[in-house]
Protein backbone atom coordinates (compact mmCIF):
# COMPACT_ATOMS: atom_id res chain seq x y z
CA MET A 1 -0.32 -19.60 11.14
CA VAL A 2 0.49 -15.88 10.89
CA ALA A 3 4.23 -16.58 10.57
CA GLU A 4 3.65 -18.49 7.33
CA LEU A 5 1.47 -15.91 5.59
CA LYS A 6 2.47 -14.69 2.15
CA TYR A 7 1.24 -11.45 0.58
CA GLU A 8 0.76 -11.24 -3.19
CA ILE A 9 0.05 -7.79 -4.61
CA SER A 10 -1.21 -7.11 -8.13
CA GLN A 11 0.80 -4.89 -10.44
CA ASN A 12 -1.75 -2.07 -10.60
CA ALA A 13 -2.30 -1.99 -6.82
CA TYR A 14 1.47 -1.84 -6.31
CA ILE A 15 2.21 0.80 -8.93
CA LYS A 16 -0.64 3.05 -7.79
CA LEU A 17 0.80 3.26 -4.26
CA VAL A 18 4.34 4.02 -5.44
CA LEU A 19 3.14 6.69 -7.90
CA HIS A 20 1.16 8.31 -5.08
CA ALA A 21 4.33 8.52 -2.97
CA LEU A 22 6.27 9.99 -5.91
CA LYS A 23 3.62 12.64 -6.50
CA HIS A 24 4.13 13.92 -2.94
CA LYS A 25 7.86 13.39 -2.44
CA THR A 26 8.22 15.96 0.34
CA THR A 27 5.40 14.67 2.54
CA ALA A 28 4.39 11.40 4.13
CA VAL A 29 1.63 9.58 2.27
CA ASN A 30 -0.51 6.54 2.99
CA GLY A 31 -2.88 4.13 1.33
CA ILE A 32 -5.15 1.14 1.87
CA LEU A 33 -4.66 -2.39 0.53
CA LEU A 34 -7.74 -4.26 -0.72
CA GLY A 35 -8.06 -7.96 -1.24
CA ARG A 36 -8.95 -11.28 0.36
CA VAL A 37 -7.48 -14.51 1.60
CA ASN A 38 -6.96 -16.87 -1.34
CA PRO A 39 -9.94 -19.29 -1.34
CA GLN A 40 -7.69 -22.20 -2.38
CA ASN A 41 -4.80 -21.38 -0.04
CA ASP A 42 -5.50 -19.63 3.26
CA SER A 43 -1.79 -18.87 3.77
CA VAL A 44 -1.87 -16.36 0.88
CA VAL A 45 -3.39 -12.88 1.14
CA GLU A 46 -4.20 -11.59 -2.34
CA ILE A 47 -4.02 -7.79 -2.70
CA THR A 48 -5.92 -6.91 -5.86
CA ASP A 49 -6.33 -3.15 -5.51
CA SER A 50 -5.21 -0.17 -3.48
CA VAL A 51 -6.55 3.28 -2.61
CA PRO A 52 -4.24 6.27 -2.10
CA LEU A 53 -5.41 8.02 1.06
CA PHE A 54 -3.70 11.23 2.18
CA HIS A 55 -0.66 13.44 1.68
CA SER A 56 -1.40 15.83 4.54
CA ASN A 57 -2.61 15.36 8.12
CA LEU A 58 -2.27 11.58 7.96
CA ALA A 59 -3.36 11.22 11.56
CA LEU A 60 -6.59 13.20 11.18
CA LEU A 61 -9.17 10.73 12.44
CA PRO A 62 -12.45 12.10 10.96
CA SER A 63 -11.05 12.10 7.40
CA LEU A 64 -9.63 8.61 7.89
CA GLU A 65 -12.93 7.24 9.18
CA ILE A 66 -14.87 8.74 6.26
CA ALA A 67 -12.37 7.27 3.81
CA LEU A 68 -12.46 3.80 5.38
CA ILE A 69 -16.27 3.70 5.36
CA MET A 70 -16.41 4.72 1.67
CA ILE A 71 -13.69 2.21 0.75
CA GLU A 72 -15.39 -0.62 2.65
CA GLU A 73 -18.76 0.13 1.04
CA HIS A 74 -17.36 0.20 -2.49
CA TYR A 75 -15.12 -2.85 -2.30
CA GLY A 76 -17.36 -4.91 -0.02
CA SER A 77 -19.87 -5.21 -2.85
CA LYS A 78 -17.08 -6.81 -4.93
CA GLY A 79 -16.20 -9.35 -2.27
CA LEU A 80 -13.02 -7.54 -1.26
CA GLY A 81 -12.04 -6.12 2.11
CA ILE A 82 -9.31 -3.99 3.67
CA VAL A 83 -6.33 -6.30 4.21
CA GLY A 84 -3.50 -3.89 4.95
CA TYR A 85 -1.98 -0.44 5.00
CA PHE A 86 0.72 1.34 2.97
CA HIS A 87 2.92 4.11 4.33
CA ALA A 88 5.69 6.28 2.88
CA ASN A 89 7.71 8.42 5.29
CA GLU A 90 8.30 12.11 4.77
CA ARG A 91 12.10 11.92 4.85
CA PHE A 92 14.03 9.90 2.28
CA ASP A 93 16.39 8.47 4.91
CA ASP A 94 13.64 7.51 7.37
CA ALA A 95 13.19 3.73 7.26
CA GLU A 96 11.32 3.43 10.56
CA LEU A 97 7.67 2.46 10.94
CA GLY A 98 6.15 5.37 12.88
CA ILE A 99 3.34 5.57 15.42
CA VAL A 100 0.68 6.78 12.93
CA ALA A 101 1.32 3.79 10.65
CA LYS A 102 1.26 1.38 13.58
CA ASN A 103 -2.00 2.81 14.94
CA ILE A 104 -3.78 2.57 11.59
CA GLY A 105 -2.38 -0.94 11.14
CA ASP A 106 -3.71 -1.91 14.58
CA HIS A 107 -7.13 -0.56 13.63
CA ILE A 108 -7.22 -2.67 10.45
CA CYS A 109 -6.09 -5.76 12.38
CA ARG A 110 -9.23 -5.58 14.50
CA TYR A 111 -11.24 -6.48 11.42
CA PHE A 112 -8.63 -8.48 9.48
CA PRO A 113 -6.12 -10.09 11.88
CA GLN A 114 -3.74 -11.10 9.06
CA ALA A 115 -3.31 -7.48 7.96
CA ALA A 116 0.13 -6.25 6.96
CA ILE A 117 1.81 -2.87 6.64
CA PHE A 118 3.93 -2.10 3.57
CA LEU A 119 6.53 0.63 4.12
CA LEU A 120 8.07 2.28 1.04
CA ASP A 121 11.79 1.55 0.75
CA ASN A 122 13.17 4.76 -0.74
CA LYS A 123 16.63 3.31 -1.40
CA LYS A 124 15.20 0.44 -3.44
CA LEU A 125 12.93 2.88 -5.28
CA GLU A 126 15.87 5.15 -6.10
CA ALA A 127 17.87 2.18 -7.45
CA LEU A 128 14.97 0.95 -9.59
CA PRO A 129 16.02 2.52 -12.93
CA MET A 130 19.55 1.10 -12.59
CA GLY A 131 18.71 -2.51 -11.88
CA LYS A 132 16.70 -5.53 -12.88
CA ASP A 133 15.35 -6.25 -9.39
CA GLN A 134 11.85 -7.73 -9.56
CA SER A 135 11.16 -7.52 -5.82
CA PRO A 136 8.82 -4.83 -4.44
CA VAL A 137 10.26 -1.47 -3.39
CA MET A 138 8.49 -1.98 -0.06
CA GLN A 139 9.24 -3.57 3.29
CA LEU A 140 6.78 -5.96 4.87
CA TYR A 141 5.70 -5.47 8.50
CA ILE A 142 3.53 -7.98 10.32
CA ARG A 143 2.28 -8.20 13.91
CA ASP A 144 3.95 -10.72 16.19
CA ALA A 145 2.29 -12.74 18.97
CA SER A 146 2.60 -9.73 21.30
CA LYS A 147 0.79 -7.53 18.74
CA ASN A 148 3.93 -5.51 18.02
CA TRP A 149 4.73 -4.59 14.41
CA LYS A 150 7.95 -6.23 13.25
CA LEU A 151 9.85 -6.10 9.99
CA ALA A 152 9.54 -9.52 8.36
CA GLY A 153 12.84 -11.36 8.79
CA PRO A 154 15.32 -12.57 6.17
CA ASP A 155 12.48 -14.31 4.35
CA GLY A 156 10.50 -11.05 4.11
CA GLY A 157 11.42 -10.70 0.43
CA SER A 158 9.83 -14.03 -0.40
CA ARG A 159 6.72 -13.33 1.68
CA LEU A 160 5.83 -10.14 -0.19
CA VAL A 161 5.65 -10.70 -3.93
CA ILE A 162 4.21 -8.89 -6.94
CA LYS A 163 1.87 -11.08 -8.96
CA GLU A 164 3.29 -9.88 -12.29
CA PRO A 165 7.12 -10.26 -12.54
CA ALA A 166 7.53 -7.28 -14.91
CA ALA A 167 5.83 -4.79 -12.56
CA ASN A 168 9.02 -2.85 -11.75
CA ALA A 169 9.79 -2.41 -15.45
CA VAL A 170 6.28 -1.04 -15.98
CA LEU A 171 6.71 1.19 -12.92
CA SER A 172 10.00 2.56 -14.32
CA ASP A 173 8.25 3.46 -17.57
CA TYR A 174 5.50 5.25 -15.67
CA ILE A 175 8.06 7.16 -13.63
CA SER A 176 9.85 8.23 -16.84
CA SER A 177 6.58 9.53 -18.29
CA GLU A 178 5.66 11.26 -14.99
CA LYS A 179 2.49 9.18 -14.71
CA TRP A 180 2.41 9.99 -10.99
CA GLN A 181 0.86 13.35 -11.84
CA ASP A 182 -2.42 11.56 -12.66
CA VAL A 183 -2.90 9.88 -9.26
CA VAL A 184 -5.88 11.09 -7.20
CA ASP A 185 -6.00 10.47 -3.44
CA PHE A 186 -8.66 11.10 -0.80
CA ASP A 187 -7.19 14.52 0.03
CA ASP A 188 -7.71 15.52 -3.61
CA HIS A 189 -11.27 14.13 -3.56
CA LEU A 190 -12.18 15.98 -0.35
CA ASP A 191 -10.91 19.21 -1.94
CA ASP A 192 -12.78 18.59 -5.19
CA ILE A 193 -15.37 15.80 -5.26
CA LYS A 194 -15.16 15.63 -9.06
CA LYS A 195 -11.74 13.99 -8.60
CA ASP A 196 -12.28 10.23 -8.35
CA TRP A 197 -10.30 8.46 -5.60
CA LEU A 198 -10.86 5.14 -7.42
CA ASN A 199 -8.50 6.33 -10.21
CA PRO A 200 -10.48 4.55 -12.96
CA GLU A 201 -8.49 6.19 -15.79
CA LEU A 202 -5.00 5.72 -14.32
CA PHE A 203 -4.02 2.58 -16.24
CA LYS A 204 -6.05 3.14 -19.41
């Protein structure tokens, strides 16, 4: 069943994660994917929102646990759960899924076995303004039968889709207007609790 899963991410959830990575270009960043299994089709995981987590000390467990509890409490009341993890590496040329990302992904899989990890593809992101590519600037990783994280094969591009086809065009506009400056993550919130990690004003 796992091999056939498809992941559909909403435009706002997708753009929020990429803007977070652009805001902190010189550091690794991460985020949480929120959603549910499609009630009409259990082979589709719908990702309807995302939460930018950290841009420093990604492996710091106490901060991560606090963030996950707050995220679960907020989204659980809306019928949504944590369905995956987003990671952007520190170095532009680093396309490997590292141990921190795998460990957090493993943790999420304990509660949602179909969880996926999305890794930012810097080369696709860099090429975004030049092309008309509608596919996500992310690589899809899923756990195999041995519980090892593997890059989805040749069909990976068709198994991770953005719900709205024009999302990359919207993302390009946001990049041009430096919209990434407005993104708040959990690090920002822990430094100043007046900063809202839910980013309610980001797309208004």
